[in-house]
Amino acid sequence: MRQDELRLETYTRMYDFLRIGNRAVKKAQEENRKKGIPNVYSYNGHLYYELPNGELTKENPLSNFQK
């Protein structure tokens, strides 16, 4: 086996980490929606806010609550 090839065990562990991470993100997003907190995403260098009702906006809905 060449040094740059990964073993099957490595791919399996990477898949497990990805699966666990995806579940954690989905849980956090759902908790935010229930609490009325917008989810924030970055796409092509722009921030998008997903409001609890599912609407997407570029305007920060929390800007009134900051210093």
N, C-alpha and C. Protein backbone atom coordinates (compact mmCIF):
# COMPACT_ATOMS: atom_id res chain seq x y z
N MET A 1 0.84 -1.18 0.00
CA MET A 1 0.00 0.00 0.00
C MET A 1 0.89 1.24 0.00
N ARG A 2 0.49 2.21 -0.84
CA ARG A 2 1.25 3.46 -0.87
C ARG A 2 0.98 4.26 0.39
N GLN A 3 1.89 5.12 0.72
CA GLN A 3 1.81 5.89 1.95
C GLN A 3 0.63 6.88 1.93
N ASP A 4 0.22 7.35 0.74
CA ASP A 4 -0.86 8.33 0.67
C ASP A 4 -2.25 7.70 0.63
N GLU A 5 -2.33 6.38 0.58
CA GLU A 5 -3.62 5.70 0.60
C GLU A 5 -4.10 5.55 2.04
N LEU A 6 -5.39 5.73 2.25
CA LEU A 6 -5.97 5.58 3.58
C LEU A 6 -6.60 4.20 3.70
N ARG A 7 -6.52 3.69 4.90
CA ARG A 7 -7.12 2.38 5.14
C ARG A 7 -8.64 2.50 5.25
N LEU A 8 -9.32 1.41 5.04
CA LEU A 8 -10.77 1.37 5.14
C LEU A 8 -11.23 1.83 6.52
N GLU A 9 -10.49 1.49 7.55
CA GLU A 9 -10.84 1.88 8.91
C GLU A 9 -10.87 3.41 9.04
N THR A 10 -9.94 4.08 8.37
CA THR A 10 -9.89 5.54 8.43
C THR A 10 -11.13 6.14 7.79
N TYR A 11 -11.54 5.61 6.62
CA TYR A 11 -12.74 6.10 5.95
C TYR A 11 -13.98 5.83 6.81
N THR A 12 -14.03 4.70 7.45
CA THR A 12 -15.16 4.35 8.30
C THR A 12 -15.27 5.33 9.47
N ARG A 13 -14.15 5.64 10.09
CA ARG A 13 -14.15 6.59 11.22
C ARG A 13 -14.53 7.99 10.75
N MET A 14 -14.02 8.40 9.58
CA MET A 14 -14.37 9.71 9.04
C MET A 14 -15.88 9.79 8.79
N TYR A 15 -16.46 8.75 8.24
CA TYR A 15 -17.90 8.71 8.00
C TYR A 15 -18.66 8.81 9.32
N ASP A 16 -18.20 8.10 10.35
CA ASP A 16 -18.86 8.16 11.65
C ASP A 16 -18.81 9.57 12.24
N PHE A 17 -17.66 10.23 12.15
CA PHE A 17 -17.53 11.60 12.65
C PHE A 17 -18.47 12.55 11.88
N LEU A 18 -18.55 12.38 10.59
CA LEU A 18 -19.42 13.21 9.77
C LEU A 18 -20.89 13.00 10.15
N ARG A 19 -21.28 11.76 10.35
CA ARG A 19 -22.65 11.42 10.74
C ARG A 19 -23.00 12.04 12.10
N ILE A 20 -22.09 11.90 13.06
CA ILE A 20 -22.31 12.46 14.40
C ILE A 20 -22.41 13.98 14.33
N GLY A 21 -21.53 14.60 13.57
CA GLY A 21 -21.55 16.05 13.42
C GLY A 21 -22.84 16.54 12.78
N ASN A 22 -23.29 15.86 11.73
CA ASN A 22 -24.53 16.25 11.06
C ASN A 22 -25.73 16.15 12.00
N ARG A 23 -25.77 15.11 12.80
CA ARG A 23 -26.87 14.96 13.76
C ARG A 23 -26.85 16.08 14.79
N ALA A 24 -25.67 16.44 15.26
CA ALA A 24 -25.55 17.51 16.26
C ALA A 24 -26.00 18.85 15.68
N VAL A 25 -25.65 19.12 14.43
CA VAL A 25 -26.05 20.38 13.79
C VAL A 25 -27.57 20.42 13.63
N LYS A 26 -28.16 19.33 13.16
CA LYS A 26 -29.61 19.30 12.99
C LYS A 26 -30.34 19.49 14.31
N LYS A 27 -29.81 18.90 15.36
CA LYS A 27 -30.42 19.05 16.69
C LYS A 27 -30.33 20.51 17.15
N ALA A 28 -29.17 21.13 16.96
CA ALA A 28 -28.98 22.53 17.37
C ALA A 28 -29.90 23.45 16.56
N GLN A 29 -30.04 23.19 15.26
CA GLN A 29 -30.92 24.01 14.43
C GLN A 29 -32.37 23.90 14.91
N GLU A 30 -32.81 22.71 15.21
CA GLU A 30 -34.18 22.50 15.67
C GLU A 30 -34.41 23.18 17.02
N GLU A 31 -33.44 23.10 17.91
CA GLU A 31 -33.55 23.77 19.21
C GLU A 31 -33.64 25.28 19.03
N ASN A 32 -32.85 25.84 18.11
CA ASN A 32 -32.91 27.27 17.83
C ASN A 32 -34.30 27.66 17.34
N ARG A 33 -34.87 26.87 16.44
CA ARG A 33 -36.20 27.19 15.92
C ARG A 33 -37.23 27.20 17.04
N LYS A 34 -37.16 26.21 17.92
CA LYS A 34 -38.12 26.13 19.03
C LYS A 34 -37.98 27.32 19.97
N LYS A 35 -36.76 27.82 20.15
CA LYS A 35 -36.51 28.94 21.06
C LYS A 35 -36.65 30.30 20.37
N GLY A 36 -36.92 30.29 19.07
CA GLY A 36 -37.08 31.55 18.35
C GLY A 36 -35.78 32.22 17.98
N ILE A 37 -34.71 31.46 17.94
CA ILE A 37 -33.38 32.00 17.61
C ILE A 37 -33.09 31.70 16.14
N PRO A 38 -32.68 32.70 15.36
CA PRO A 38 -32.39 32.43 13.95
C PRO A 38 -31.12 31.59 13.77
N ASN A 39 -31.15 30.74 12.76
CA ASN A 39 -29.96 29.99 12.37
C ASN A 39 -29.20 30.83 11.36
N VAL A 40 -27.88 30.85 11.47
CA VAL A 40 -27.05 31.69 10.61
C VAL A 40 -26.21 30.78 9.71
N TYR A 41 -26.20 31.11 8.41
CA TYR A 41 -25.44 30.34 7.43
C TYR A 41 -24.56 31.28 6.63
N SER A 42 -23.43 30.79 6.19
CA SER A 42 -22.55 31.53 5.32
C SER A 42 -22.53 30.83 3.97
N TYR A 43 -22.82 31.59 2.91
CA TYR A 43 -22.81 31.02 1.57
C TYR A 43 -22.16 32.03 0.63
N ASN A 44 -21.10 31.61 -0.01
CA ASN A 44 -20.34 32.48 -0.93
C ASN A 44 -19.94 33.80 -0.26
N GLY A 45 -19.55 33.73 1.00
CA GLY A 45 -19.06 34.91 1.70
C GLY A 45 -20.14 35.83 2.22
N HIS A 46 -21.41 35.42 2.11
CA HIS A 46 -22.52 36.24 2.60
C HIS A 46 -23.21 35.50 3.74
N LEU A 47 -23.67 36.27 4.74
CA LEU A 47 -24.41 35.68 5.85
C LEU A 47 -25.90 35.70 5.55
N TYR A 48 -26.55 34.58 5.83
CA TYR A 48 -27.99 34.46 5.68
C TYR A 48 -28.56 34.01 7.01
N TYR A 49 -29.71 34.56 7.36
CA TYR A 49 -30.37 34.24 8.62
C TYR A 49 -31.67 33.52 8.30
N GLU A 50 -31.82 32.34 8.87
CA GLU A 50 -33.07 31.60 8.74
C GLU A 50 -33.90 31.88 9.99
N LEU A 51 -35.01 32.54 9.80
CA LEU A 51 -35.88 32.88 10.91
C LEU A 51 -36.66 31.65 11.35
N PRO A 52 -37.17 31.63 12.55
CA PRO A 52 -37.91 30.46 13.04
C PRO A 52 -39.09 30.06 12.16
N ASN A 53 -39.67 31.01 11.40
CA ASN A 53 -40.78 30.67 10.51
C ASN A 53 -40.31 30.11 9.17
N GLY A 54 -38.97 30.00 8.97
CA GLY A 54 -38.41 29.43 7.75
C GLY A 54 -37.97 30.46 6.74
N GLU A 55 -38.30 31.72 6.96
CA GLU A 55 -37.93 32.79 6.04
C GLU A 55 -36.42 33.03 6.09
N LEU A 56 -35.81 33.29 4.91
CA LEU A 56 -34.39 33.62 4.83
C LEU A 56 -34.24 35.11 4.59
N THR A 57 -33.26 35.71 5.25
CA THR A 57 -32.99 37.12 5.08
C THR A 57 -31.49 37.37 5.22
N LYS A 58 -31.04 38.46 4.62
CA LYS A 58 -29.64 38.86 4.78
C LYS A 58 -29.48 39.85 5.94
N GLU A 59 -30.58 40.40 6.41
CA GLU A 59 -30.52 41.38 7.50
C GLU A 59 -30.47 40.66 8.84
N ASN A 60 -29.57 41.11 9.70
CA ASN A 60 -29.39 40.50 11.01
C ASN A 60 -30.60 40.84 11.90
N PRO A 61 -31.41 39.83 12.23
CA PRO A 61 -32.58 40.11 13.06
C PRO A 61 -32.23 40.40 14.51
N LEU A 62 -31.01 40.15 14.92
CA LEU A 62 -30.59 40.38 16.29
C LEU A 62 -29.83 41.69 16.46
N SER A 63 -29.73 42.48 15.40
CA SER A 63 -28.93 43.71 15.48
C SER A 63 -29.49 44.69 16.52
N ASN A 64 -30.79 44.64 16.79
CA ASN A 64 -31.38 45.53 17.80
C ASN A 64 -30.97 45.14 19.22
N PHE A 65 -30.54 43.91 19.41
CA PHE A 65 -30.20 43.42 20.73
C PHE A 65 -28.72 43.55 21.06
N GLN A 66 -27.91 43.92 20.10
CA GLN A 66 -26.47 44.05 20.31
C GLN A 66 -26.17 45.43 20.89
N LYS A 67 -24.99 45.60 21.46
CA LYS A 67 -24.54 46.84 22.13
C LYS A 67 -24.95 48.09 21.43
